[in-house]
Amino acid sequence: MSPDPAAPALRPVVARVAALNFGCFFIEIAVAVTIGSVALVMDSLDFLEDAAINLLIVAGLGWSARNRARLGTGMAFLLVLPALAGAVAAYEKVSDFTPPAVLPLVLTGLGAFAVNLACALMLARHRTGSGSLTRAAYLSARNDTVANLAVVAAGLTTLAVPSPWPDLAAAGLIAVINADSAIDILRAAAAERRAAG
């Protein structure tokens, strides 16, 4: 099977998306630890995971369709890692049942939304090329905007009703979104594998 002809145009876009995600991980994890937000822990790990996924895509774009399908399958499993880390953070939050600071939570959620929206827009015109790889990058960025809005909503709800529950609910939603993306990517990888014969 020949390499994907869309690779040269897509590679620099994915590299920029990887760099943005990697930078945002450090900002968001610092805020998450400072204010005690499980949702931000989940979202920061999601940024790190997205950086890794996009770097893998940069490496895999020149591969055959069969090998891209294998890489897409592996990336689907990467999407569930933040859910596992979030479960640990949620368990620790139960022992320290205090709400996170509202203003940093909302501002960080809005900043993350802006970054993920920019990434989704950069990837949108490439989302049907390169099979499961491009689908993985696009779905991850697109779905993360929903997660970011959930973080903002958790902050605003905490302002009205001081409780850690909105933050925990947003963390749970992020886990569900990642699981749904993983299933979509597995389907795309399976279709790509079938097409490769």
Protein backbone atom coordinates (compact mmCIF):
# COMPACT_ATOMS: atom_id res chain seq x y z
CA MET A 1 0.00 0.00 0.00
CA SER A 2 1.30 3.46 -0.83
CA PRO A 3 1.67 6.29 1.71
CA ASP A 4 -1.11 8.81 2.07
CA PRO A 5 -0.83 11.60 -0.56
CA ALA A 6 -2.41 14.10 1.88
CA ALA A 7 0.51 13.73 4.32
CA PRO A 8 2.65 16.72 3.19
CA ALA A 9 -0.19 19.23 3.66
CA LEU A 10 -1.39 17.71 6.93
CA ARG A 11 1.94 17.20 8.70
CA PRO A 12 2.69 20.88 9.60
CA VAL A 13 -0.91 21.41 10.77
CA VAL A 14 -0.75 18.41 13.09
CA ALA A 15 2.67 19.50 14.37
CA ARG A 16 1.25 22.94 15.32
CA VAL A 17 -1.70 21.28 17.06
CA ALA A 18 0.71 19.03 19.00
CA ALA A 19 2.77 22.04 20.14
CA LEU A 20 -0.33 23.95 21.29
CA ASN A 21 -1.61 20.95 23.24
CA PHE A 22 1.76 20.34 24.89
CA GLY A 23 2.04 23.95 26.04
CA CYS A 24 -1.51 23.99 27.39
CA PHE A 25 -0.90 20.83 29.41
CA PHE A 26 1.64 22.61 31.62
CA ILE A 27 -0.58 25.63 32.18
CA GLU A 28 -3.69 23.64 32.96
CA ILE A 29 -2.07 21.07 35.27
CA ALA A 30 -0.49 23.88 37.29
CA VAL A 31 -3.88 25.57 37.75
CA ALA A 32 -5.60 22.23 38.46
CA VAL A 33 -3.20 21.33 41.27
CA THR A 34 -3.31 24.85 42.73
CA ILE A 35 -7.11 25.09 42.93
CA GLY A 36 -7.90 21.39 43.46
CA SER A 37 -10.00 20.79 40.34
CA VAL A 38 -10.54 17.19 39.19
CA ALA A 39 -12.05 18.41 35.91
CA LEU A 40 -8.93 20.45 35.13
CA VAL A 41 -6.70 17.49 36.02
CA MET A 42 -8.67 15.43 33.50
CA ASP A 43 -8.56 18.17 30.89
CA SER A 44 -4.83 18.84 31.36
CA LEU A 45 -4.06 15.14 30.91
CA ASP A 46 -6.25 15.27 27.83
CA PHE A 47 -4.01 18.05 26.45
CA LEU A 48 -0.94 15.88 27.10
CA GLU A 49 -2.62 12.89 25.47
CA ASP A 50 -3.61 15.03 22.45
CA ALA A 51 -0.02 16.22 22.08
CA ALA A 52 1.14 12.60 22.07
CA ILE A 53 -1.55 11.56 19.58
CA ASN A 54 -0.67 14.37 17.20
CA LEU A 55 3.05 13.58 17.41
CA LEU A 56 2.23 9.96 16.58
CA ILE A 57 0.19 11.18 13.63
CA VAL A 58 3.12 13.26 12.36
CA ALA A 59 5.24 10.10 12.50
CA GLY A 60 2.58 7.87 10.93
CA LEU A 61 1.42 10.02 8.03
CA GLY A 62 3.91 8.51 5.61
CA TRP A 63 2.91 4.96 6.49
CA SER A 64 0.74 2.58 4.49
CA ALA A 65 -3.02 2.47 5.10
CA ARG A 66 -2.66 -0.81 7.01
CA ASN A 67 -0.03 0.62 9.37
CA ARG A 68 -2.02 3.84 9.82
CA ALA A 69 -4.99 1.68 10.85
CA ARG A 70 -2.82 -0.08 13.44
CA LEU A 71 -1.62 3.25 14.81
CA GLY A 72 -5.21 4.54 14.89
CA THR A 73 -6.22 1.52 16.98
CA GLY A 74 -3.41 2.25 19.44
CA MET A 75 -4.41 5.89 19.69
CA ALA A 76 -7.99 4.92 20.51
CA PHE A 77 -6.68 3.20 23.62
CA LEU A 78 -4.66 6.31 24.54
CA LEU A 79 -7.93 8.24 24.76
CA VAL A 80 -9.04 6.27 27.82
CA LEU A 81 -5.92 7.07 29.89
CA PRO A 82 -7.19 10.44 31.17
CA ALA A 83 -10.32 8.67 32.43
CA LEU A 84 -8.17 6.39 34.57
CA ALA A 85 -6.16 9.32 35.93
CA GLY A 86 -9.39 11.21 36.58
CA ALA A 87 -10.75 8.30 38.60
CA VAL A 88 -7.70 8.52 40.88
CA ALA A 89 -8.08 12.32 41.21
CA ALA A 90 -11.81 11.94 41.95
CA TYR A 91 -11.07 9.38 44.67
CA GLU A 92 -8.63 11.79 46.30
CA LYS A 93 -11.18 14.61 46.01
CA VAL A 94 -13.70 12.64 48.06
CA SER A 95 -11.30 12.72 51.01
CA ASP A 96 -10.88 16.51 50.65
CA PHE A 97 -14.42 17.52 49.72
CA THR A 98 -13.87 21.21 48.98
CA PRO A 99 -14.92 23.07 45.82
CA PRO A 100 -12.22 24.44 43.51
CA ALA A 101 -11.63 28.19 43.20
CA VAL A 102 -14.20 29.48 40.73
CA LEU A 103 -12.44 32.29 38.83
CA PRO A 104 -9.31 30.30 37.88
CA LEU A 105 -11.53 27.34 36.93
CA VAL A 106 -13.70 29.43 34.59
CA LEU A 107 -10.80 31.39 33.05
CA THR A 108 -8.75 28.24 32.46
CA GLY A 109 -11.76 26.50 30.91
CA LEU A 110 -12.32 29.45 28.56
CA GLY A 111 -8.64 29.54 27.59
CA ALA A 112 -8.65 25.79 26.91
CA PHE A 113 -11.83 26.20 24.84
CA ALA A 114 -10.15 28.84 22.67
CA VAL A 115 -7.10 26.63 22.08
CA ASN A 116 -9.13 23.52 21.27
CA LEU A 117 -11.45 25.47 18.97
CA ALA A 118 -8.41 26.80 17.08
CA CYS A 119 -7.02 23.25 16.82
CA ALA A 120 -10.37 21.85 15.61
CA LEU A 121 -10.62 24.59 12.95
CA MET A 122 -7.06 23.89 11.76
CA LEU A 123 -7.84 20.17 11.46
CA ALA A 124 -11.39 20.49 10.08
CA ARG A 125 -10.45 20.67 6.40
CA HIS A 126 -8.22 17.59 6.77
CA ARG A 127 -10.63 15.46 8.82
CA THR A 128 -11.60 13.12 5.97
CA GLY A 129 -8.04 12.47 4.81
CA SER A 130 -5.53 9.98 6.25
CA GLY A 131 -8.27 7.71 7.64
CA SER A 132 -8.24 6.99 11.35
CA LEU A 133 -5.22 9.19 12.07
CA THR A 134 -6.78 12.45 10.97
CA ARG A 135 -10.10 11.41 12.44
CA ALA A 136 -8.37 10.87 15.79
CA ALA A 137 -6.85 14.35 15.78
CA TYR A 138 -10.00 16.11 14.64
CA LEU A 139 -12.39 14.28 16.99
CA SER A 140 -10.07 14.85 19.91
CA ALA A 141 -9.90 18.62 19.33
CA ARG A 142 -13.61 18.96 18.55
CA ASN A 143 -14.76 16.96 21.55
CA ASP A 144 -12.37 18.79 23.84
CA THR A 145 -14.24 22.03 23.15
CA VAL A 146 -17.33 20.40 24.67
CA ALA A 147 -15.28 19.29 27.67
CA ASN A 148 -13.96 22.83 28.10
CA LEU A 149 -17.47 24.26 28.12
CA ALA A 150 -18.35 21.67 30.78
CA VAL A 151 -15.45 22.98 32.89
CA VAL A 152 -16.73 26.55 32.50
CA ALA A 153 -20.26 25.43 33.41
CA ALA A 154 -18.87 23.63 36.48
CA GLY A 155 -17.16 26.84 37.58
CA LEU A 156 -20.29 28.95 37.13
CA THR A 157 -22.41 26.36 38.93
CA THR A 158 -19.90 26.26 41.80
CA LEU A 159 -20.22 30.03 42.05
CA ALA A 160 -23.97 29.66 42.57
CA VAL A 161 -23.80 26.50 44.72
CA PRO A 162 -20.40 26.08 46.41
CA SER A 163 -19.75 22.34 46.12
CA PRO A 164 -17.19 20.01 44.53
CA TRP A 165 -19.98 18.11 42.73
CA PRO A 166 -20.09 20.29 39.57
CA ASP A 167 -16.33 19.83 39.14
CA LEU A 168 -16.66 16.06 39.61
CA ALA A 169 -19.58 15.97 37.15
CA ALA A 170 -17.50 17.81 34.52
CA ALA A 171 -14.67 15.32 35.09
CA GLY A 172 -17.13 12.47 34.49
CA LEU A 173 -18.37 14.08 31.28
CA ILE A 174 -14.79 14.40 30.01
CA ALA A 175 -14.30 10.68 30.63
CA VAL A 176 -17.47 9.85 28.66
CA ILE A 177 -16.43 12.11 25.76
CA ASN A 178 -13.03 10.42 25.56
CA ALA A 179 -14.62 6.97 25.57
CA ASP A 180 -16.97 7.98 22.74
CA SER A 181 -14.06 9.35 20.69
CA ALA A 182 -12.11 6.14 21.24
CA ILE A 183 -15.01 4.10 19.85
CA ASP A 184 -15.28 6.36 16.77
CA ILE A 185 -11.54 6.04 16.10
CA LEU A 186 -11.64 2.25 16.49
CA ARG A 187 -14.42 2.13 13.88
CA ALA A 188 -12.43 4.34 11.49
CA ALA A 189 -9.32 2.19 11.99
CA ALA A 190 -11.32 -1.00 11.35
CA ALA A 191 -12.75 0.48 8.13
CA GLU A 192 -9.28 1.55 7.04
CA ARG A 193 -7.94 -1.96 7.74
CA ARG A 194 -10.72 -3.52 5.67
CA ALA A 195 -10.07 -1.11 2.79
CA ALA A 196 -6.36 -1.96 2.89
CA GLY A 197 -7.31 -5.62 2.40
